[in-house]
C-alpha atoms as a PDB file:
ATOM      1  CA  MET A   1     -43.249   7.138 -13.507  1.00  0.00           C
ATOM      2  CA  LYS A   2     -41.042   9.661 -11.897  1.00  0.00           C
ATOM      3  CA  GLN A   3     -37.394   8.805 -11.436  1.00  0.00           C
ATOM      4  CA  LYS A   4     -36.247   8.217  -7.994  1.00  0.00           C
ATOM      5  CA  GLU A   5     -34.079  10.989  -6.586  1.00  0.00           C
ATOM      6  CA  ILE A   6     -31.189   9.616  -4.043  1.00  0.00           C
ATOM      7  CA  LEU A   7     -29.670  11.214  -1.349  1.00  0.00           C
ATOM      8  CA  LEU A   8     -26.386  10.179  -0.530  1.00  0.00           C
ATOM      9  CA  PHE A   9     -24.266  10.593   2.432  1.00  0.00           C
ATOM     10  CA  GLY A  10     -20.628   9.526   2.332  1.00  0.00           C
ATOM     11  CA  ALA A  11     -20.331  10.400  -1.191  1.00  0.00           C
ATOM     12  CA  THR A  12     -16.459  10.580  -1.650  1.00  0.00           C
ATOM     13  CA  GLY A  13     -15.418   7.318  -0.361  1.00  0.00           C
ATOM     14  CA  GLN A  14     -14.719   4.320  -2.748  1.00  0.00           C
ATOM     15  CA  ILE A  15     -18.309   3.055  -2.285  1.00  0.00           C
ATOM     16  CA  GLY A  16     -19.725   6.260  -2.839  1.00  0.00           C
ATOM     17  CA  ARG A  17     -18.050   7.373  -5.675  1.00  0.00           C
ATOM     18  CA  ASN A  18     -18.555   3.936  -7.810  1.00  0.00           C
ATOM     19  CA  LEU A  19     -22.449   4.325  -6.719  1.00  0.00           C
ATOM     20  CA  ILE A  20     -22.546   7.547  -8.170  1.00  0.00           C
ATOM     21  CA  ARG A  21     -21.257   6.545 -11.212  1.00  0.00           C
ATOM     22  CA  LYS A  22     -23.729   3.567 -11.439  1.00  0.00           C
ATOM     23  CA  LEU A  23     -26.690   5.678 -10.408  1.00  0.00           C
ATOM     24  CA  THR A  24     -26.301   8.512 -12.833  1.00  0.00           C
ATOM     25  CA  LYS A  25     -25.309   6.240 -15.561  1.00  0.00           C
ATOM     26  CA  ASN A  26     -28.830   4.848 -15.157  1.00  0.00           C
ATOM     27  CA  ASN A  27     -30.363   8.198 -15.113  1.00  0.00           C
ATOM     28  CA  TYR A  28     -31.028   8.430 -11.313  1.00  0.00           C
ATOM     29  CA  LYS A  29     -30.674  12.051  -9.985  1.00  0.00           C
ATOM     30  CA  VAL A  30     -28.285  12.142  -6.952  1.00  0.00           C
ATOM     31  CA  ILE A  31     -27.769  14.556  -4.357  1.00  0.00           C
ATOM     32  CA  ALA A  32     -24.274  14.173  -2.686  1.00  0.00           C
ATOM     33  CA  VAL A  33     -23.669  15.491   0.803  1.00  0.00           C
ATOM     34  CA  THR A  34     -20.023  16.317   1.242  1.00  0.00           C
ATOM     35  CA  ARG A  35     -18.213  18.435   4.037  1.00  0.00           C
ATOM     36  CA  ASN A  36     -16.120  20.028   1.508  1.00  0.00           C
ATOM     37  CA  ILE A  37     -17.596  20.938  -1.729  1.00  0.00           C
ATOM     38  CA  HIS A  38     -14.200  22.268  -3.210  1.00  0.00           C
ATOM     39  CA  THR A  39     -12.184  19.383  -2.670  1.00  0.00           C
ATOM     40  CA  ALA A  40     -15.012  16.707  -3.239  1.00  0.00           C
ATOM     41  CA  GLY A  41     -16.354  18.670  -6.399  1.00  0.00           C
ATOM     42  CA  TYR A  42     -13.809  17.865  -8.848  1.00  0.00           C
ATOM     43  CA  ILE A  43     -13.709  14.402  -7.741  1.00  0.00           C
ATOM     44  CA  LEU A  44     -17.262  13.642  -8.057  1.00  0.00           C
ATOM     45  CA  LYS A  45     -18.509  15.731 -11.102  1.00  0.00           C
ATOM     46  CA  THR A  46     -16.409  13.410 -13.096  1.00  0.00           C
ATOM     47  CA  GLN A  47     -18.310  10.266 -12.094  1.00  0.00           C
ATOM     48  CA  ALA A  48     -21.847  11.579 -13.294  1.00  0.00           C
ATOM     49  CA  ASN A  49     -23.598  12.336 -16.427  1.00  0.00           C
ATOM     50  CA  PRO A  50     -24.170  16.035 -16.440  1.00  0.00           C
ATOM     51  CA  GLY A  51     -27.072  17.246 -14.924  1.00  0.00           C
ATOM     52  CA  TYR A  52     -27.773  14.163 -12.532  1.00  0.00           C
ATOM     53  CA  LEU A  53     -25.561  15.058 -10.044  1.00  0.00           C
ATOM     54  CA  ASP A  54     -25.954  18.044  -7.007  1.00  0.00           C
ATOM     55  CA  LEU A  55     -23.477  18.621  -4.416  1.00  0.00           C
ATOM     56  CA  VAL A  56     -24.454  19.994  -0.924  1.00  0.00           C
ATOM     57  CA  GLU A  57     -21.956  20.993   1.549  1.00  0.00           C
ATOM     58  CA  ILE A  58     -22.810  20.388   5.246  1.00  0.00           C
ATOM     59  CA  ASN A  59     -20.283  21.098   8.136  1.00  0.00           C
ATOM     60  CA  ASN A  60     -21.809  19.136  10.565  1.00  0.00           C
ATOM     61  CA  PHE A  61     -24.958  17.285  10.938  1.00  0.00           C
ATOM     62  CA  LYS A  62     -27.738  19.702  11.750  1.00  0.00           C
ATOM     63  CA  TYR A  63     -31.388  18.126  12.135  1.00  0.00           C
ATOM     64  CA  ASP A  64     -33.100  20.964  10.262  1.00  0.00           C
ATOM     65  CA  VAL A  65     -30.556  21.082   7.323  1.00  0.00           C
ATOM     66  CA  ILE A  66     -30.975  17.412   6.961  1.00  0.00           C
ATOM     67  CA  ASP A  67     -34.678  17.089   7.320  1.00  0.00           C
ATOM     68  CA  ASP A  68     -34.739  19.651   4.246  1.00  0.00           C
ATOM     69  CA  LEU A  69     -32.836  17.430   2.396  1.00  0.00           C
ATOM     70  CA  VAL A  70     -34.648  14.081   3.063  1.00  0.00           C
ATOM     71  CA  LYS A  71     -38.029  15.104   2.343  1.00  0.00           C
ATOM     72  CA  LYS A  72     -36.965  15.806  -0.962  1.00  0.00           C
ATOM     73  CA  CYS A  73     -35.538  12.289  -1.853  1.00  0.00           C
ATOM     74  CA  SER A  74     -37.007   9.080  -2.320  1.00  0.00           C
ATOM     75  CA  ILE A  75     -33.972   6.934  -1.069  1.00  0.00           C
ATOM     76  CA  CYS A  76     -31.653   7.903   1.663  1.00  0.00           C
ATOM     77  CA  ILE A  77     -28.358   6.206   1.851  1.00  0.00           C
ATOM     78  CA  ASN A  78     -25.932   6.371   4.352  1.00  0.00           C
ATOM     79  CA  LEU A  79     -22.303   5.146   3.576  1.00  0.00           C
ATOM     80  CA  VAL A  80     -20.580   7.432   6.238  1.00  0.00           C
ATOM     81  CA  GLY A  81     -17.939   5.575   8.438  1.00  0.00           C
ATOM     82  CA  ILE A  82     -14.867   5.890  10.131  1.00  0.00           C
ATOM     83  CA  LEU A  83     -12.120   3.081  10.849  1.00  0.00           C
ATOM     84  CA  TYR A  84     -10.518   5.035  14.007  1.00  0.00           C
ATOM     85  CA  GLU A  85     -11.514   8.054  16.189  1.00  0.00           C
ATOM     86  CA  SER A  86      -9.991  11.486  16.099  1.00  0.00           C
ATOM     87  CA  LYS A  87     -10.498  14.810  18.049  1.00  0.00           C
ATOM     88  CA  LYS A  88     -13.414  15.776  15.739  1.00  0.00           C
ATOM     89  CA  ASN A  89     -15.008  12.344  14.956  1.00  0.00           C
ATOM     90  CA  HIS A  90     -15.985   9.771  17.231  1.00  0.00           C
ATOM     91  CA  PHE A  91     -17.678   6.197  16.659  1.00  0.00           C
ATOM     92  CA  GLU A  92     -20.792   6.969  18.738  1.00  0.00           C
ATOM     93  CA  ALA A  93     -21.558  10.268  16.644  1.00  0.00           C
ATOM     94  CA  ILE A  94     -20.681   8.694  13.243  1.00  0.00           C
ATOM     95  CA  HIS A  95     -21.800   5.107  13.562  1.00  0.00           C
ATOM     96  CA  ARG A  96     -24.863   5.305  15.977  1.00  0.00           C
ATOM     97  CA  ASP A  97     -26.093   9.167  16.369  1.00  0.00           C
ATOM     98  CA  LEU A  98     -26.018   9.850  12.441  1.00  0.00           C
ATOM     99  CA  PRO A  99     -28.176   6.586  11.335  1.00  0.00           C
ATOM    100  CA  ASP A 100     -30.262   7.332  14.440  1.00  0.00           C
ATOM    101  CA  MET A 101     -31.180  10.655  13.153  1.00  0.00           C
ATOM    102  CA  LEU A 102     -31.418   9.723   9.292  1.00  0.00           C
ATOM    103  CA  SER A 103     -33.732   6.795   9.938  1.00  0.00           C
ATOM    104  CA  LYS A 104     -35.959   8.996  12.384  1.00  0.00           C
ATOM    105  CA  ILE A 105     -36.276  11.689   9.691  1.00  0.00           C
ATOM    106  CA  SER A 106     -36.897   9.057   6.846  1.00  0.00           C
ATOM    107  CA  HIS A 107     -39.705   7.869   8.998  1.00  0.00           C
ATOM    108  CA  LYS A 108     -41.223  11.545   9.490  1.00  0.00           C
ATOM    109  CA  HIS A 109     -41.066  12.101   5.561  1.00  0.00           C
ATOM    110  CA  LYS A 110     -42.290   8.168   4.775  1.00  0.00           C
ATOM    111  CA  ILE A 111     -39.610   7.911   2.412  1.00  0.00           C
ATOM    112  CA  GLU A 112     -39.353   4.951   0.314  1.00  0.00           C
ATOM    113  CA  LYS A 113     -36.252   3.659   1.736  1.00  0.00           C
ATOM    114  CA  PHE A 114     -33.239   4.419   4.108  1.00  0.00           C
ATOM    115  CA  ILE A 115     -30.251   2.132   3.394  1.00  0.00           C
ATOM    116  CA  HIS A 116     -27.426   2.060   5.846  1.00  0.00           C
ATOM    117  CA  ILE A 117     -24.123   0.498   5.064  1.00  0.00           C
ATOM    118  CA  SER A 118     -22.764  -0.984   8.241  1.00  0.00           C
ATOM    119  CA  ALA A 119     -20.301  -3.960   8.592  1.00  0.00           C
ATOM    120  CA  LEU A 120     -20.004  -7.457   8.999  1.00  0.00           C
ATOM    121  CA  GLY A 121     -19.525  -9.756  11.800  1.00  0.00           C
ATOM    122  CA  ASN A 122     -19.689  -6.871  14.613  1.00  0.00           C
ATOM    123  CA  GLU A 123     -22.388  -8.849  16.519  1.00  0.00           C
ATOM    124  CA  LYS A 124     -19.693 -10.752  18.473  1.00  0.00           C
ATOM    125  CA  ALA A 125     -17.074  -8.164  18.979  1.00  0.00           C
ATOM    126  CA  ILE A 126     -18.304  -6.255  22.240  1.00  0.00           C
ATOM    127  CA  ASP A 127     -14.814  -5.450  23.186  1.00  0.00           C
ATOM    128  CA  SER A 128     -14.471  -3.033  20.275  1.00  0.00           C
ATOM    129  CA  LYS A 129     -15.859   0.230  20.153  1.00  0.00           C
ATOM    130  CA  TYR A 130     -16.023   0.488  16.478  1.00  0.00           C
ATOM    131  CA  ALA A 131     -18.057  -2.896  16.365  1.00  0.00           C
ATOM    132  CA  VAL A 132     -20.368  -1.668  19.348  1.00  0.00           C
ATOM    133  CA  SER A 133     -21.235   1.640  17.697  1.00  0.00           C
ATOM    134  CA  LYS A 134     -22.086   0.174  14.374  1.00  0.00           C
ATOM    135  CA  LEU A 135     -24.350  -2.565  15.843  1.00  0.00           C
ATOM    136  CA  GLU A 136     -26.307   0.153  17.770  1.00  0.00           C
ATOM    137  CA  GLY A 137     -26.442   2.385  14.926  1.00  0.00           C
ATOM    138  CA  GLU A 138     -28.187  -0.695  13.029  1.00  0.00           C
ATOM    139  CA  THR A 139     -30.324  -1.237  16.005  1.00  0.00           C
ATOM    140  CA  LYS A 140     -31.818   2.076  16.087  1.00  0.00           C
ATOM    141  CA  ALA A 141     -32.086   2.598  12.386  1.00  0.00           C
ATOM    142  CA  ILE A 142     -34.169  -0.730  12.102  1.00  0.00           C
ATOM    143  CA  ASN A 143     -36.369   0.390  15.405  1.00  0.00           C
ATOM    144  CA  ASN A 144     -36.964   3.828  14.075  1.00  0.00           C
ATOM    145  CA  PHE A 145     -37.876   3.221  10.265  1.00  0.00           C
ATOM    146  CA  LYS A 146     -39.489   0.076   9.116  1.00  0.00           C
ATOM    147  CA  ASN A 147     -38.295   0.677   5.677  1.00  0.00           C
ATOM    148  CA  SER A 148     -34.376   0.520   6.875  1.00  0.00           C
ATOM    149  CA  ILE A 149     -32.405  -1.935   5.186  1.00  0.00           C
ATOM    150  CA  ILE A 150     -29.194  -2.834   6.763  1.00  0.00           C
ATOM    151  CA  LEU A 151     -26.286  -3.908   4.413  1.00  0.00           C
ATOM    152  CA  LYS A 152     -23.392  -5.620   6.096  1.00  0.00           C
ATOM    153  CA  PRO A 153     -20.192  -5.828   3.683  1.00  0.00           C
ATOM    154  CA  SER A 154     -16.941  -7.601   4.650  1.00  0.00           C
ATOM    155  CA  ILE A 155     -13.496  -6.077   3.337  1.00  0.00           C
ATOM    156  CA  VAL A 156     -14.649  -3.733   0.505  1.00  0.00           C
ATOM    157  CA  TYR A 157     -11.827  -3.950  -1.732  1.00  0.00           C
ATOM    158  CA  SER A 158     -10.646  -2.009  -5.292  1.00  0.00           C
ATOM    159  CA  ILE A 159      -7.912   0.387  -6.739  1.00  0.00           C
ATOM    160  CA  ASP A 160      -9.422   2.964  -4.524  1.00  0.00           C
ATOM    161  CA  ASP A 161      -9.561   1.371  -1.168  1.00  0.00           C
ATOM    162  CA  ASN A 162      -7.660   1.894   2.004  1.00  0.00           C
ATOM    163  CA  PHE A 163      -7.060  -1.973   2.602  1.00  0.00           C
ATOM    164  CA  THR A 164      -5.232  -3.507  -0.410  1.00  0.00           C
ATOM    165  CA  THR A 165      -3.520  -0.250  -1.590  1.00  0.00           C
ATOM    166  CA  ASN A 166      -2.180   0.512   2.184  1.00  0.00           C
ATOM    167  CA  PHE A 167      -1.053  -3.047   2.730  1.00  0.00           C
ATOM    168  CA  MET A 168       0.681  -2.948  -0.711  1.00  0.00           C
ATOM    169  CA  THR A 169       2.425   0.289   0.002  1.00  0.00           C
ATOM    170  CA  LEU A 170       3.506  -1.137   3.556  1.00  0.00           C
ATOM    171  CA  LEU A 171       4.665  -4.831   1.965  1.00  0.00           C
ATOM    172  CA  SER A 172       6.748  -2.847  -0.705  1.00  0.00           C
ATOM    173  CA  ARG A 173       8.386  -0.865   2.013  1.00  0.00           C
ATOM    174  CA  LEU A 174       8.851  -3.300   4.900  1.00  0.00           C
ATOM    175  CA  PRO A 175      11.396  -6.544   4.561  1.00  0.00           C
ATOM    176  CA  VAL A 176       8.913  -8.005   7.674  1.00  0.00           C
ATOM    177  CA  MET A 177       5.153  -7.823   7.858  1.00  0.00           C
ATOM    178  CA  PRO A 178       3.757  -8.811  11.225  1.00  0.00           C
ATOM    179  CA  LEU A 179       0.789 -11.233  11.386  1.00  0.00           C
ATOM    180  CA  TYR A 180      -1.821 -10.778  14.110  1.00  0.00           C
ATOM    181  CA  TYR A 181      -3.568 -13.572  15.487  1.00  0.00           C
ATOM    182  CA  GLN A 182      -1.359 -15.717  13.479  1.00  0.00           C
ATOM    183  CA  GLY A 183      -2.855 -14.329  10.549  1.00  0.00           C
ATOM    184  CA  LYS A 184      -6.032 -16.815  10.918  1.00  0.00           C
ATOM    185  CA  THR A 185      -8.784 -14.362  10.863  1.00  0.00           C
ATOM    186  CA  LYS A 186     -11.224 -15.017   8.006  1.00  0.00           C
ATOM    187  CA  PHE A 187     -12.619 -12.489   5.583  1.00  0.00           C
ATOM    188  CA  ALA A 188     -15.041 -12.536   2.482  1.00  0.00           C
ATOM    189  CA  PRO A 189     -13.588  -9.626   0.201  1.00  0.00           C
ATOM    190  CA  ILE A 190     -16.236  -8.015  -1.759  1.00  0.00           C
ATOM    191  CA  HIS A 191     -15.241  -6.016  -4.768  1.00  0.00           C
ATOM    192  CA  VAL A 192     -16.516  -2.425  -4.868  1.00  0.00           C
ATOM    193  CA  ASN A 193     -18.406  -2.700  -8.164  1.00  0.00           C
ATOM    194  CA  ASP A 194     -20.103  -5.921  -6.850  1.00  0.00           C
ATOM    195  CA  LEU A 195     -21.085  -4.302  -3.503  1.00  0.00           C
ATOM    196  CA  VAL A 196     -22.360  -1.346  -5.749  1.00  0.00           C
ATOM    197  CA  ASN A 197     -24.391  -3.549  -7.908  1.00  0.00           C
ATOM    198  CA  ILE A 198     -26.255  -5.107  -5.071  1.00  0.00           C
ATOM    199  CA  ILE A 199     -26.854  -1.547  -3.229  1.00  0.00           C
ATOM    200  CA  PHE A 200     -28.446  -0.771  -6.890  1.00  0.00           C
ATOM    201  CA  ARG A 201     -30.647  -3.816  -7.313  1.00  0.00           C
ATOM    202  CA  ILE A 202     -31.764  -2.793  -3.663  1.00  0.00           C
ATOM    203  CA  ILE A 203     -32.851   0.420  -4.767  1.00  0.00           C
ATOM    204  CA  ASN A 204     -34.833  -0.885  -7.442  1.00  0.00           C
ATOM    205  CA  SER A 205     -36.291  -4.334  -5.410  1.00  0.00           C
ATOM    206  CA  LYS A 206     -39.374  -4.817  -3.192  1.00  0.00           C
ATOM    207  CA  ASN A 207     -37.213  -6.734  -0.699  1.00  0.00           C
ATOM    208  CA  LYS A 208     -38.364  -6.821   2.607  1.00  0.00           C
ATOM    209  CA  LEU A 209     -35.661  -8.050   4.752  1.00  0.00           C
ATOM    210  CA  SER A 210     -33.888  -5.366   7.397  1.00  0.00           C
ATOM    211  CA  VAL A 211     -30.566  -7.095   7.194  1.00  0.00           C
ATOM    212  CA  ILE A 212     -28.425  -8.412   4.726  1.00  0.00           C
ATOM    213  CA  GLU A 213     -24.975 -10.037   4.506  1.00  0.00           C
ATOM    214  CA  CYS A 214     -22.344  -8.595   2.021  1.00  0.00           C
ATOM    215  CA  ILE A 215     -19.971 -11.080   0.956  1.00  0.00           C
ATOM    216  CA  GLY A 216     -17.515 -12.063  -1.924  1.00  0.00           C
ATOM    217  CA  PRO A 217     -17.452 -15.463  -3.237  1.00  0.00           C
ATOM    218  CA  GLU A 218     -14.269 -16.776  -1.540  1.00  0.00           C
ATOM    219  CA  VAL A 219     -13.276 -16.868   2.155  1.00  0.00           C
ATOM    220  CA  LEU A 220      -9.829 -16.014   2.453  1.00  0.00           C
ATOM    221  CA  THR A 221      -7.383 -15.621   5.818  1.00  0.00           C
ATOM    222  CA  PHE A 222      -5.448 -12.591   6.593  1.00  0.00           C
ATOM    223  CA  LYS A 223      -2.173 -14.611   6.042  1.00  0.00           C
ATOM    224  CA  LYS A 224      -3.580 -15.713   2.518  1.00  0.00           C
ATOM    225  CA  ILE A 225      -4.786 -12.058   1.607  1.00  0.00           C
ATOM    226  CA  ILE A 226      -1.340 -10.786   2.563  1.00  0.00           C
ATOM    227  CA  ILE A 227       0.431 -13.461   0.457  1.00  0.00           C
ATOM    228  CA  THR A 228      -2.048 -13.148  -2.313  1.00  0.00           C
ATOM    229  CA  LEU A 229      -1.011  -9.327  -2.350  1.00  0.00           C
ATOM    230  CA  LEU A 230       2.812 -10.297  -2.459  1.00  0.00           C
ATOM    231  CA  GLU A 231       2.589 -12.661  -5.097  1.00  0.00           C
ATOM    232  CA  SER A 232       0.636  -9.935  -7.354  1.00  0.00           C
ATOM    233  CA  MET A 233       3.547  -7.427  -6.584  1.00  0.00           C
ATOM    234  CA  ASN A 234       6.288  -9.895  -7.276  1.00  0.00           C
ATOM    235  CA  LYS A 235       7.711  -9.448  -3.901  1.00  0.00           C
ATOM    236  CA  ARG A 236       8.845 -11.424  -1.116  1.00  0.00           C
ATOM    237  CA  ARG A 237       8.638 -10.698   2.277  1.00  0.00           C
ATOM    238  CA  LEU A 238       8.778 -12.404   6.153  1.00  0.00           C
ATOM    239  CA  LEU A 239       5.830 -13.106   7.610  1.00  0.00           C
ATOM    240  CA  LEU A 240       6.275 -12.986  11.392  1.00  0.00           C
ATOM    241  CA  PRO A 241       3.242 -14.011  13.555  1.00  0.00           C
ATOM    242  CA  LEU A 242       3.174 -11.563  16.296  1.00  0.00           C
ATOM    243  CA  PRO A 243       3.150 -12.376  19.997  1.00  0.00           C
ATOM    244  CA  LEU A 244      -0.134 -10.707  21.360  1.00  0.00           C
ATOM    245  CA  PRO A 245       1.727  -8.439  23.976  1.00  0.00           C
ATOM    246  CA  ILE A 246       4.141  -7.200  21.450  1.00  0.00           C
ATOM    247  CA  ALA A 247       0.837  -6.463  19.317  1.00  0.00           C
ATOM    248  CA  LYS A 248      -0.828  -4.459  21.946  1.00  0.00           C
ATOM    249  CA  PHE A 249       2.383  -2.361  22.389  1.00  0.00           C
ATOM    250  CA  SER A 250       2.980  -1.940  18.574  1.00  0.00           C
ATOM    251  CA  ALA A 251      -0.908  -0.741  18.610  1.00  0.00           C
ATOM    252  CA  LYS A 252       0.020   1.737  21.500  1.00  0.00           C
ATOM    253  CA  ILE A 253       2.497   3.229  19.385  1.00  0.00           C
ATOM    254  CA  LEU A 254       1.034   3.131  15.652  1.00  0.00           C
ATOM    255  CA  GLN A 255      -2.351   4.685  16.974  1.00  0.00           C
ATOM    256  CA  LEU A 256      -0.656   7.693  17.605  1.00  0.00           C
ATOM    257  CA  LEU A 257      -0.062   8.772  14.063  1.00  0.00           C
ATOM    258  CA  PRO A 258      -1.916  11.372  12.042  1.00  0.00           C
ATOM    259  CA  LYS A 259      -3.446   8.134  10.063  1.00  0.00           C
ATOM    260  CA  PRO A 260      -2.989   5.328  12.508  1.00  0.00           C
ATOM    261  CA  LEU A 261      -1.733   2.082  10.730  1.00  0.00           C
ATOM    262  CA  LEU A 262      -3.343   0.215  13.692  1.00  0.00           C
ATOM    263  CA  THR A 263      -5.259   0.921  16.907  1.00  0.00           C
ATOM    264  CA  GLU A 264      -5.830  -0.987  19.877  1.00  0.00           C
ATOM    265  CA  ASP A 265      -9.650  -1.259  18.905  1.00  0.00           C
ATOM    266  CA  GLN A 266      -8.867  -2.300  15.578  1.00  0.00           C
ATOM    267  CA  LEU A 267      -6.495  -4.815  16.640  1.00  0.00           C
ATOM    268  CA  ARG A 268      -9.388  -6.234  19.193  1.00  0.00           C
ATOM    269  CA  LEU A 269     -11.443  -6.590  16.199  1.00  0.00           C
ATOM    270  CA  LEU A 270      -9.135  -8.695  14.433  1.00  0.00           C
ATOM    271  CA  LYS A 271      -9.776 -11.477  16.783  1.00  0.00           C
ATOM    272  CA  TYR A 272     -13.379 -11.838  15.049  1.00  0.00           C
ATOM    273  CA  ASP A 273     -13.820 -13.506  11.639  1.00  0.00           C
ATOM    274  CA  ASN A 274     -15.192 -11.274   9.074  1.00  0.00           C
ATOM    275  CA  ILE A 275     -17.628 -13.869   7.178  1.00  0.00           C
ATOM    276  CA  LYS A 276     -21.075 -14.906   7.208  1.00  0.00           C
ATOM    277  CA  THR A 277     -22.565 -15.323  10.587  1.00  0.00           C
ATOM    278  CA  GLY A 278     -25.853 -17.532   9.708  1.00  0.00           C
ATOM    279  CA  MET A 279     -27.925 -14.610  11.674  1.00  0.00           C
ATOM    280  CA  HIS A 280     -29.004 -13.007   8.549  1.00  0.00           C
ATOM    281  CA  LYS A 281     -29.433 -13.598   4.952  1.00  0.00           C
ATOM    282  CA  THR A 282     -26.437 -13.070   2.563  1.00  0.00           C
ATOM    283  CA  ASN A 283     -26.658 -11.496  -0.867  1.00  0.00           C
ATOM    284  CA  GLN A 284     -25.830 -14.852  -2.186  1.00  0.00           C
ATOM    285  CA  ASP A 285     -29.067 -16.112  -0.645  1.00  0.00           C
ATOM    286  CA  LEU A 286     -30.938 -13.452  -2.424  1.00  0.00           C
ATOM    287  CA  ASN A 287     -29.135 -14.206  -5.971  1.00  0.00           C
ATOM    288  CA  LEU A 288     -27.280 -10.838  -5.660  1.00  0.00           C
ATOM    289  CA  ASN A 289     -24.245 -12.297  -6.691  1.00  0.00           C
ATOM    290  CA  ALA A 290     -20.846 -11.052  -6.183  1.00  0.00           C
ATOM    291  CA  ASP A 291     -18.618 -13.084  -8.455  1.00  0.00           C
ATOM    292  CA  ARG A 292     -15.176 -11.210  -8.480  1.00  0.00           C
ATOM    293  CA  ILE A 293     -12.141 -13.332  -7.671  1.00  0.00           C
ATOM    294  CA  PHE A 294      -9.640 -11.209  -5.218  1.00  0.00           C
ATOM    295  CA  LYS A 295      -6.354 -12.447  -6.993  1.00  0.00           C
ATOM    296  CA  VAL A 296      -8.123 -11.453 -10.661  1.00  0.00           C
ATOM    297  CA  GLU A 297      -8.949  -8.086  -9.494  1.00  0.00           C
ATOM    298  CA  ILE A 298      -5.812  -7.380  -7.269  1.00  0.00           C
ATOM    299  CA  ASP A 299      -3.894  -8.325 -10.638  1.00  0.00           C
ATOM    300  CA  LYS A 300      -5.325  -5.470 -12.483  1.00  0.00           C
ATOM    301  CA  TYR A 301      -3.973  -2.733 -10.447  1.00  0.00           C
ATOM    302  CA  SER A 302      -0.919  -4.224  -8.255  1.00  0.00           C
ATOM    303  CA  TYR A 303       1.428  -3.021 -10.893  1.00  0.00           C
ATOM    304  CA  ASN A 304       1.745   0.156  -9.233  1.00  0.00           C
ATOM    305  CA  TRP A 305       3.606  -1.392  -6.509  1.00  0.00           C
ATOM    306  CA  ARG A 306       5.818  -3.721  -8.467  1.00  0.00           C
ATOM    307  CA  SER A 307       9.273  -3.188  -9.282  1.00  0.00           C
ATOM    308  CA  GLY A 308       9.421  -2.048 -12.896  1.00  0.00           C
ATOM    309  CA  GLY A 309       5.757  -1.185 -12.960  1.00  0.00           C
ATOM    310  CA  GLN A 310       3.270  -2.331 -15.135  1.00  0.00           C
ATOM    311  CA  PHE A 311       5.545  -4.130 -17.729  1.00  0.00           C
ATOM    312  CA  ALA A 312       7.264  -6.070 -15.084  1.00  0.00           C
ATOM    313  CA  LYS A 313       7.433  -9.955 -15.621  1.00  0.00           C
ATOM    314  CA  LYS A 314       5.227 -11.743 -13.211  1.00  0.00           C
ATOM    315  CA  VAL A 315       7.580 -14.531 -11.480  1.00  0.00           C
ATOM    316  CA  ASN A 316       6.829 -17.014  -8.783  1.00  0.00           C
ATOM    317  CA  LEU A 317       8.038 -16.022  -5.272  1.00  0.00           C
ATOM    318  CA  LYS A 318       7.150 -18.388  -2.392  1.00  0.00           C
ATOM    319  CA  ASN A 319       6.307 -16.334   0.943  1.00  0.00           C
ATOM    320  CA  ASP A 320       5.969 -18.135   3.850  1.00  0.00           C
END
């Protein structure tokens, strides 16, 4: 039987890098699309077995170029996403128009599957441009191609992420950590290796579901996540609930940074829990297990932010 060829968009992110490693290790041929082959090449080539990874440079998503790539593959996977808008990247173009195009081309060439990574909990967040664009992209993909599979993960974390690592950097520098919405927003963090294993099993399954919510084994509030990070770092900080008017003002300022720490849209999104909704099946329902415990995994790399580094002694510090 001919081995599947996987076309991968968004290869340089934490999910993409780990997925390339998983696929090529299992003898899958991967065609990874990148905007800059020179900066991405040295990172991605180290993830793959020799001969199992091809890099293709695309500076913009032109239909003819993508059409030529899709018709050569068995499965197309889209991991592309942005957390904030810039002059070059807009939510509608990245989250709605790209999956719209990829799913239409997938239908045209009758490939085996189009797997699109979206986000959990976006159905209720109608006041967030990020969430609305994600939901529109899901809807278009499902309507365009019957073999589209939408995976909706909660927060995806690892040593390569932009979530736990950014917060640990902030916590190591700031004496006070603001808590938005009293830190009560709930999440179901899933480790990147667990999500990659789910994607790998979906590639090889005969699953007929269009939408699957991907969650970890725990439900943690934002405050609990911050406390867990602090304890793992051997740090003690004041956790300060921030009144909404002050939070909105701070977001207006922070979103002006080249890489915003917080935007007004992200602040609106934080109102909504990021846990299973009951609207779709979860990976747990399908026996696609994600068992890694948040604190256990964080302890494996938090020493990078501890005073004294890897060999610093763990102490019990209470954070309120």
